[in-house]
Amino acid sequence: MRTYIVEDEKPALQRLQNMLTEIPEIDIIGSTASGREAIVEIDTLQPELLLLDIHLSDMSGLDVLQLITSTPAVIFTTAYNQYAVQAFELRAVDYLLKPFSRERLQEAISRVREKKTTPEALKELFAQWQPPANYLTRFASRVGDKITMFTDDEVVYFTSESKFVYACLEEHRYLLNYTLSQLETRLDPEKFFRIHRSSIVNLNYVRKIEADSSGGYTITTLGRRPANLSVSRTAGKVLRNKLGW
């Protein structure tokens, strides 16, 4: 199986290569630490299997997958679990959380061999490793001596400005003691989606999504005071698929 690796950490790359050499059917045809170089080489070499890290130095592995024209089976390898929903919606065969064992890698490659890539199979796999739901549903924001309580259903979107994170409701916004990355991992993914490095939107408040001139998208929210929110190119494609638009 012709295999290409995209990994920007040398120790992780070496470890992965060592594990792959123990699997007889794997033929490593190339590797790179650069997302941009990966796009060119993947389309040139046409691998059957792509092992793809998500956090690269020059771009996201999710963007790489969006920009290649070839269609290898894809196994994501990453230390971050918050991208799993996007990975599976992009039809990844598997999602390996670092550090993973030889046995877990072999299991992922077996899935490629057995072509377990149907939506039903991916949903089953996602359910196997996804931790039990314990999502944030209530928030408290303190300003001076006043504490305001609200629920996740009231939040239209979360935004980050100058290192501060705010929950934006229809009438007011409230300062929170969370980072967006923390919120992304602790909010219900069926209800909330990170559309940009600076914002997470409540899907129940999405009125419309439109392509813009930069290649990304813009969301308009519902409510008495609609907001226009920027959506990254990769997130926009996943979001449209998620919403069935």
Protein backbone atom coordinates (compact mmCIF):
# COMPACT_ATOMS: atom_id res chain seq x y z
CA MET A 1 0.00 0.00 0.00
CA ARG A 2 1.71 3.20 -1.21
CA THR A 3 1.86 5.47 1.84
CA TYR A 4 2.72 9.15 2.30
CA ILE A 5 3.29 10.83 5.69
CA VAL A 6 2.75 14.48 6.63
CA GLU A 7 4.25 15.14 10.07
CA ASP A 8 6.18 18.20 11.26
CA GLU A 9 7.67 16.73 14.46
CA LYS A 10 10.82 14.73 13.71
CA PRO A 11 10.54 12.33 16.71
CA ALA A 12 6.90 11.60 15.84
CA LEU A 13 7.81 11.06 12.18
CA GLN A 14 10.62 8.66 13.07
CA ARG A 15 8.41 6.70 15.45
CA LEU A 16 5.64 6.45 12.87
CA GLN A 17 8.05 5.32 10.15
CA ASN A 18 9.46 2.65 12.47
CA MET A 19 6.00 1.30 13.23
CA LEU A 20 4.99 1.31 9.57
CA THR A 21 8.07 -0.67 8.50
CA GLU A 22 6.78 -3.53 10.65
CA ILE A 23 3.61 -3.75 8.53
CA PRO A 24 4.43 -5.81 5.41
CA GLU A 25 1.92 -4.26 3.02
CA ILE A 26 3.03 -0.67 3.71
CA ASP A 27 5.39 1.00 1.23
CA ILE A 28 6.44 4.49 2.40
CA ILE A 29 6.88 6.57 -0.77
CA GLY A 30 7.55 9.93 0.85
CA SER A 31 7.10 12.30 3.78
CA THR A 32 7.19 16.01 4.53
CA ALA A 33 6.77 18.48 7.39
CA SER A 34 5.19 21.10 5.12
CA GLY A 35 1.51 21.28 4.24
CA ARG A 36 2.22 23.19 1.03
CA GLU A 37 4.83 20.67 -0.09
CA ALA A 38 2.45 17.86 0.81
CA ILE A 39 -0.23 19.18 -1.56
CA VAL A 40 2.19 19.05 -4.50
CA GLU A 41 3.74 15.69 -3.65
CA ILE A 42 0.47 13.92 -2.86
CA ASP A 43 -1.01 14.92 -6.20
CA THR A 44 2.23 13.90 -7.96
CA LEU A 45 2.87 10.59 -6.19
CA GLN A 46 -0.79 9.54 -5.86
CA PRO A 47 -0.45 7.53 -2.61
CA GLU A 48 -3.11 5.02 -1.64
CA LEU A 49 -2.82 5.94 2.05
CA LEU A 50 -2.14 9.35 3.61
CA LEU A 51 -1.10 9.69 7.27
CA LEU A 52 -1.77 13.34 8.03
CA ASP A 53 -0.98 15.46 11.09
CA ILE A 54 -3.41 18.35 11.70
CA HIS A 55 -1.16 20.95 13.38
CA LEU A 56 1.52 21.77 10.79
CA SER A 57 3.87 24.74 10.86
CA ASP A 58 2.56 26.37 7.68
CA MET A 59 -1.09 25.28 7.46
CA SER A 60 -3.69 22.89 8.84
CA GLY A 61 -3.81 19.27 7.76
CA LEU A 62 -7.54 19.80 7.28
CA ASP A 63 -6.71 22.45 4.67
CA VAL A 64 -4.29 20.06 2.97
CA LEU A 65 -7.05 17.50 2.60
CA GLN A 66 -9.35 20.12 1.11
CA LEU A 67 -6.78 21.25 -1.46
CA ILE A 68 -5.44 17.98 -2.87
CA THR A 69 -7.09 16.56 -5.99
CA SER A 70 -6.15 12.91 -5.43
CA THR A 71 -8.26 10.72 -3.16
CA PRO A 72 -6.11 8.57 -0.87
CA ALA A 73 -7.50 6.90 2.22
CA VAL A 74 -6.72 9.32 5.07
CA ILE A 75 -5.73 8.58 8.66
CA PHE A 76 -5.28 11.69 10.82
CA THR A 77 -2.56 11.61 13.50
CA THR A 78 -2.77 14.36 16.11
CA ALA A 79 -2.52 15.19 19.79
CA TYR A 80 -5.79 17.15 19.69
CA ASN A 81 -9.22 15.54 19.86
CA GLN A 82 -11.24 18.67 19.05
CA TYR A 83 -10.86 18.20 15.29
CA ALA A 84 -12.36 14.72 15.18
CA VAL A 85 -15.81 15.84 14.05
CA GLN A 86 -14.33 17.78 11.12
CA ALA A 87 -12.01 14.90 10.25
CA PHE A 88 -14.80 12.36 10.04
CA GLU A 89 -17.02 14.75 8.10
CA LEU A 90 -14.16 14.99 5.59
CA ARG A 91 -14.39 11.19 5.33
CA ALA A 92 -11.20 10.28 7.17
CA VAL A 93 -10.86 6.53 7.69
CA ASP A 94 -9.54 6.93 11.23
CA TYR A 95 -8.31 9.50 13.75
CA LEU A 96 -5.33 8.54 15.90
CA LEU A 97 -4.67 10.48 19.09
CA LYS A 98 -0.97 10.76 19.93
CA PRO A 99 0.69 8.90 21.45
CA PHE A 100 -0.88 5.84 19.83
CA SER A 101 0.27 2.23 19.99
CA ARG A 102 1.39 -0.11 17.22
CA GLU A 103 -1.82 -2.03 17.74
CA ARG A 104 -3.95 1.09 17.26
CA LEU A 105 -2.07 1.98 14.08
CA GLN A 106 -2.52 -1.55 12.78
CA GLU A 107 -6.24 -1.33 13.52
CA ALA A 108 -6.48 1.88 11.49
CA ILE A 109 -4.66 0.35 8.54
CA SER A 110 -6.91 -2.69 8.73
CA ARG A 111 -9.85 -0.33 8.32
CA VAL A 112 -8.28 0.97 5.11
CA ARG A 113 -7.68 -2.56 3.86
CA GLU A 114 -11.25 -3.59 4.63
CA LYS A 115 -12.60 -0.31 3.20
CA LYS A 116 -14.56 0.55 6.33
CA THR A 117 -15.29 4.08 5.17
CA THR A 118 -19.09 4.18 4.96
CA PRO A 119 -20.84 6.87 7.03
CA GLU A 120 -22.23 4.14 9.30
CA ALA A 121 -18.78 2.66 9.92
CA LEU A 122 -17.26 6.07 10.65
CA LYS A 123 -20.08 6.95 13.03
CA GLU A 124 -19.50 3.68 14.89
CA LEU A 125 -15.76 4.36 15.12
CA PHE A 126 -16.31 7.92 16.37
CA ALA A 127 -18.65 6.62 19.07
CA GLN A 128 -16.03 4.11 20.24
CA TRP A 129 -13.39 6.64 21.28
CA GLN A 130 -15.51 9.71 21.98
CA PRO A 131 -15.60 10.35 25.73
CA PRO A 132 -18.96 10.48 27.52
CA ALA A 133 -20.71 13.78 27.01
CA ASN A 134 -20.17 16.23 29.83
CA TYR A 135 -20.74 19.48 28.01
CA LEU A 136 -20.84 23.01 29.36
CA THR A 137 -24.44 24.17 29.53
CA ARG A 138 -24.37 26.93 32.15
CA PHE A 139 -22.15 30.00 32.36
CA ALA A 140 -21.49 32.77 34.87
CA SER A 141 -19.98 36.16 34.08
CA ARG A 142 -18.88 38.52 36.81
CA VAL A 143 -18.50 42.27 36.39
CA GLY A 144 -17.72 44.02 39.67
CA ASP A 145 -20.20 42.78 42.26
CA LYS A 146 -22.70 41.58 39.66
CA ILE A 147 -22.85 37.97 38.44
CA THR A 148 -24.94 37.14 35.39
CA MET A 149 -26.02 33.54 34.76
CA PHE A 150 -27.08 32.16 31.38
CA THR A 151 -27.30 28.86 29.49
CA ASP A 152 -25.67 27.63 26.30
CA ASP A 153 -29.02 27.85 24.50
CA GLU A 154 -28.98 31.63 24.98
CA VAL A 155 -25.54 32.07 23.40
CA VAL A 156 -25.56 33.11 19.73
CA TYR A 157 -21.79 32.84 19.41
CA PHE A 158 -18.53 33.03 21.35
CA THR A 159 -15.81 35.41 20.19
CA SER A 160 -12.21 36.21 21.09
CA GLU A 161 -11.02 39.82 21.11
CA SER A 162 -7.63 41.01 22.38
CA LYS A 163 -7.08 37.82 24.41
CA PHE A 164 -10.53 38.06 26.02
CA VAL A 165 -13.40 35.68 25.24
CA TYR A 166 -17.03 36.79 25.25
CA ALA A 167 -20.34 34.96 25.09
CA CYS A 168 -22.57 36.97 22.77
CA LEU A 169 -26.29 36.73 23.49
CA GLU A 170 -29.01 38.50 21.54
CA GLU A 171 -28.93 41.67 23.65
CA HIS A 172 -25.64 41.60 25.57
CA ARG A 173 -22.23 40.00 25.63
CA TYR A 174 -20.46 38.68 28.71
CA LEU A 175 -16.80 38.13 29.54
CA LEU A 176 -15.86 34.51 30.24
CA ASN A 177 -12.90 32.88 31.93
CA TYR A 178 -12.30 30.38 29.12
CA THR A 179 -10.20 30.26 25.99
CA LEU A 180 -11.90 29.42 22.70
CA SER A 181 -9.94 26.17 22.55
CA GLN A 182 -11.29 25.18 25.96
CA LEU A 183 -14.82 26.01 24.87
CA GLU A 184 -14.41 24.09 21.62
CA THR A 185 -13.63 20.88 23.50
CA ARG A 186 -16.34 21.36 26.16
CA LEU A 187 -19.33 22.50 24.10
CA ASP A 188 -21.79 20.09 22.50
CA PRO A 189 -20.51 19.59 18.90
CA GLU A 190 -24.06 18.94 17.74
CA LYS A 191 -24.92 22.49 18.79
CA PHE A 192 -21.71 24.52 18.46
CA PHE A 193 -19.10 24.73 15.71
CA ARG A 194 -15.82 26.63 15.49
CA ILE A 195 -16.06 28.66 12.30
CA HIS A 196 -12.87 30.68 12.66
CA ARG A 197 -9.87 30.99 14.96
CA SER A 198 -11.72 33.82 16.70
CA SER A 199 -15.30 32.52 16.94
CA ILE A 200 -17.61 29.59 17.71
CA VAL A 201 -21.23 29.78 16.56
CA ASN A 202 -24.41 28.22 17.93
CA LEU A 203 -25.74 26.32 14.90
CA ASN A 204 -29.31 26.96 16.01
CA TYR A 205 -28.76 30.68 15.36
CA VAL A 206 -27.39 30.38 11.82
CA ARG A 207 -29.73 32.20 9.43
CA LYS A 208 -27.63 31.95 6.26
CA ILE A 209 -24.12 31.21 5.04
CA GLU A 210 -22.68 32.82 1.93
CA ALA A 211 -19.38 32.60 0.04
CA ASP A 212 -17.30 35.77 0.07
CA SER A 213 -14.67 37.20 -2.29
CA SER A 214 -11.74 35.88 -0.23
CA GLY A 215 -12.69 32.23 -0.73
CA GLY A 216 -14.15 31.95 2.75
CA TYR A 217 -17.72 32.34 3.94
CA THR A 218 -19.85 34.70 6.01
CA ILE A 219 -22.56 33.64 8.44
CA THR A 220 -25.54 35.83 9.31
CA THR A 221 -27.14 34.98 12.64
CA LEU A 222 -30.77 35.04 13.68
CA GLY A 223 -32.16 37.47 16.22
CA ARG A 224 -33.08 41.10 16.69
CA ARG A 225 -29.46 42.13 16.15
CA PRO A 226 -28.05 39.84 13.45
CA ALA A 227 -24.27 39.47 13.36
CA ASN A 228 -22.12 38.78 10.32
CA LEU A 229 -19.35 36.34 11.23
CA SER A 230 -16.36 35.32 9.13
CA VAL A 231 -15.93 31.61 8.42
CA SER A 232 -12.65 30.08 7.29
CA ARG A 233 -12.58 28.25 3.95
CA THR A 234 -12.11 24.83 5.53
CA ALA A 235 -14.68 25.39 8.29
CA GLY A 236 -17.16 26.75 5.74
CA LYS A 237 -17.11 23.60 3.64
CA VAL A 238 -17.51 21.38 6.69
CA LEU A 239 -20.26 23.62 8.06
CA ARG A 240 -22.27 23.57 4.84
CA ASN A 241 -22.04 19.79 4.82
CA LYS A 242 -23.00 19.66 8.50
CA LEU A 243 -26.06 21.85 7.90
CA GLY A 244 -26.97 20.07 4.66
CA TRP A 245 -26.67 23.27 2.58
